[in-house]
Amino acid sequence: MSEKLGYSPNGDQRTIGQDGSTQIENKIVLRSEDYRHQPGEVNVTGAEPVRAFLGLSS
């Protein structure tokens, strides 16, 4: 994730991995008021198969 988009640290959490080792999970958060829209056009392709899978086809 990127701080350029407005993400900020939100704490850490220790977990135990499958191999028994300690893992540190760095949590981040993106609040709506912190979101920074990047200029440019967004093109979405391949949405129809996903919409059909989710039962959203019209």
N, C-alpha and C. Protein backbone atom coordinates (compact mmCIF):
# COMPACT_ATOMS: atom_id res chain seq x y z
N MET A 1 0.85 -1.16 0.00
CA MET A 1 0.00 0.00 0.00
C MET A 1 0.90 1.23 0.00
N SER A 2 0.29 2.34 -0.30
CA SER A 2 1.11 3.52 -0.48
C SER A 2 0.64 4.70 0.36
N GLU A 3 1.58 5.35 0.99
CA GLU A 3 1.27 6.58 1.70
C GLU A 3 0.85 7.67 0.73
N LYS A 4 1.25 7.55 -0.55
CA LYS A 4 0.86 8.53 -1.56
C LYS A 4 -0.65 8.58 -1.74
N LEU A 5 -1.33 7.45 -1.45
CA LEU A 5 -2.79 7.41 -1.57
C LEU A 5 -3.48 7.81 -0.28
N GLY A 6 -2.72 7.96 0.80
CA GLY A 6 -3.30 8.38 2.06
C GLY A 6 -3.28 7.32 3.15
N TYR A 7 -2.73 6.15 2.88
CA TYR A 7 -2.65 5.10 3.90
C TYR A 7 -1.71 5.55 5.01
N SER A 8 -2.03 5.19 6.25
CA SER A 8 -1.17 5.52 7.37
C SER A 8 -1.09 4.33 8.33
N PRO A 9 0.02 4.25 9.10
CA PRO A 9 0.19 3.14 10.04
C PRO A 9 -0.95 3.10 11.07
N ASN A 10 -1.33 1.89 11.47
CA ASN A 10 -2.42 1.71 12.42
C ASN A 10 -2.07 0.61 13.44
N GLY A 11 -0.80 0.53 13.81
CA GLY A 11 -0.37 -0.43 14.81
C GLY A 11 0.23 -1.69 14.23
N ASP A 12 0.74 -2.51 15.14
CA ASP A 12 1.36 -3.78 14.79
C ASP A 12 0.70 -4.90 15.59
N GLN A 13 0.79 -6.10 15.08
CA GLN A 13 0.25 -7.26 15.78
C GLN A 13 1.21 -8.41 15.60
N ARG A 14 1.52 -9.10 16.69
CA ARG A 14 2.39 -10.28 16.63
C ARG A 14 1.51 -11.52 16.48
N THR A 15 1.91 -12.39 15.57
CA THR A 15 1.21 -13.66 15.38
C THR A 15 2.25 -14.77 15.31
N ILE A 16 1.80 -15.99 15.44
CA ILE A 16 2.68 -17.15 15.33
C ILE A 16 2.44 -17.79 13.97
N GLY A 17 3.51 -17.90 13.18
CA GLY A 17 3.41 -18.50 11.85
C GLY A 17 3.23 -20.00 11.94
N GLN A 18 2.91 -20.64 10.82
CA GLN A 18 2.72 -22.08 10.77
C GLN A 18 3.97 -22.84 11.18
N ASP A 19 5.12 -22.23 10.98
CA ASP A 19 6.37 -22.89 11.36
C ASP A 19 6.75 -22.60 12.81
N GLY A 20 5.88 -21.89 13.55
CA GLY A 20 6.12 -21.58 14.95
C GLY A 20 6.89 -20.29 15.18
N SER A 21 7.32 -19.63 14.12
CA SER A 21 8.07 -18.40 14.29
C SER A 21 7.13 -17.22 14.53
N THR A 22 7.65 -16.21 15.19
CA THR A 22 6.87 -15.00 15.46
C THR A 22 6.86 -14.13 14.22
N GLN A 23 5.70 -13.68 13.84
CA GLN A 23 5.53 -12.79 12.69
C GLN A 23 4.98 -11.45 13.18
N ILE A 24 5.42 -10.38 12.59
CA ILE A 24 4.87 -9.07 12.93
C ILE A 24 4.05 -8.58 11.75
N GLU A 25 2.79 -8.30 12.01
CA GLU A 25 1.86 -7.81 10.99
C GLU A 25 1.73 -6.31 11.18
N ASN A 26 2.14 -5.55 10.17
CA ASN A 26 2.02 -4.10 10.21
C ASN A 26 0.65 -3.71 9.66
N LYS A 27 -0.16 -3.12 10.49
CA LYS A 27 -1.50 -2.73 10.08
C LYS A 27 -1.49 -1.31 9.53
N ILE A 28 -2.31 -1.09 8.51
CA ILE A 28 -2.46 0.24 7.93
C ILE A 28 -3.95 0.53 7.78
N VAL A 29 -4.27 1.79 7.62
CA VAL A 29 -5.65 2.21 7.48
C VAL A 29 -5.73 3.32 6.44
N LEU A 30 -6.86 3.35 5.74
CA LEU A 30 -7.14 4.43 4.80
C LEU A 30 -8.48 5.03 5.18
N ARG A 31 -8.45 6.18 5.79
CA ARG A 31 -9.69 6.87 6.16
C ARG A 31 -10.17 7.68 4.96
N SER A 32 -11.47 7.79 4.81
CA SER A 32 -12.01 8.49 3.64
C SER A 32 -11.48 9.92 3.56
N GLU A 33 -11.31 10.58 4.70
CA GLU A 33 -10.83 11.96 4.66
C GLU A 33 -9.34 12.06 4.29
N ASP A 34 -8.62 10.94 4.36
CA ASP A 34 -7.19 10.92 4.01
C ASP A 34 -6.92 10.47 2.58
N TYR A 35 -7.94 9.93 1.91
CA TYR A 35 -7.75 9.40 0.56
C TYR A 35 -7.33 10.51 -0.40
N ARG A 36 -6.27 10.24 -1.14
CA ARG A 36 -5.77 11.20 -2.14
C ARG A 36 -5.96 10.61 -3.52
N HIS A 37 -6.88 11.16 -4.26
CA HIS A 37 -7.18 10.67 -5.61
C HIS A 37 -6.04 11.03 -6.55
N GLN A 38 -5.60 10.03 -7.28
CA GLN A 38 -4.56 10.26 -8.28
C GLN A 38 -5.22 10.60 -9.61
N PRO A 39 -4.77 11.63 -10.28
CA PRO A 39 -5.36 11.98 -11.57
C PRO A 39 -5.13 10.89 -12.61
N GLY A 40 -6.05 10.80 -13.53
CA GLY A 40 -5.91 9.84 -14.61
C GLY A 40 -7.19 9.05 -14.80
N GLU A 41 -7.26 8.38 -15.92
CA GLU A 41 -8.43 7.59 -16.28
C GLU A 41 -8.29 6.17 -15.76
N VAL A 42 -9.39 5.60 -15.31
CA VAL A 42 -9.41 4.22 -14.85
C VAL A 42 -10.24 3.40 -15.83
N ASN A 43 -9.65 2.33 -16.35
CA ASN A 43 -10.36 1.45 -17.27
C ASN A 43 -10.53 0.09 -16.60
N VAL A 44 -11.75 -0.42 -16.60
CA VAL A 44 -12.04 -1.72 -16.01
C VAL A 44 -12.38 -2.69 -17.14
N THR A 45 -11.67 -3.83 -17.17
CA THR A 45 -11.96 -4.85 -18.16
C THR A 45 -12.21 -6.17 -17.45
N GLY A 46 -13.00 -7.03 -18.05
CA GLY A 46 -13.26 -8.34 -17.48
C GLY A 46 -14.26 -8.35 -16.35
N ALA A 47 -15.05 -7.30 -16.23
CA ALA A 47 -15.99 -7.21 -15.12
C ALA A 47 -17.21 -8.12 -15.30
N GLU A 48 -17.63 -8.37 -16.52
CA GLU A 48 -18.85 -9.14 -16.74
C GLU A 48 -18.79 -10.56 -16.17
N PRO A 49 -17.70 -11.31 -16.34
CA PRO A 49 -17.65 -12.64 -15.71
C PRO A 49 -17.75 -12.56 -14.18
N VAL A 50 -17.16 -11.56 -13.59
CA VAL A 50 -17.24 -11.40 -12.14
C VAL A 50 -18.66 -11.04 -11.73
N ARG A 51 -19.29 -10.14 -12.47
CA ARG A 51 -20.67 -9.75 -12.17
C ARG A 51 -21.59 -10.97 -12.27
N ALA A 52 -21.39 -11.81 -13.27
CA ALA A 52 -22.21 -13.02 -13.44
C ALA A 52 -21.98 -13.97 -12.27
N PHE A 53 -20.72 -14.16 -11.86
CA PHE A 53 -20.40 -15.02 -10.74
C PHE A 53 -21.07 -14.55 -9.46
N LEU A 54 -21.14 -13.24 -9.28
CA LEU A 54 -21.76 -12.67 -8.08
C LEU A 54 -23.28 -12.54 -8.21
N GLY A 55 -23.80 -12.91 -9.37
CA GLY A 55 -25.25 -12.80 -9.58
C GLY A 55 -25.71 -11.38 -9.83
N LEU A 56 -24.83 -10.54 -10.36
CA LEU A 56 -25.15 -9.14 -10.59
C LEU A 56 -25.41 -8.81 -12.05
N SER A 57 -25.41 -9.82 -12.92
CA SER A 57 -25.66 -9.55 -14.34
C SER A 57 -27.09 -9.07 -14.53
N SER A 58 -27.24 -8.12 -15.45
CA SER A 58 -28.59 -7.62 -15.72
C SER A 58 -29.25 -8.34 -16.86
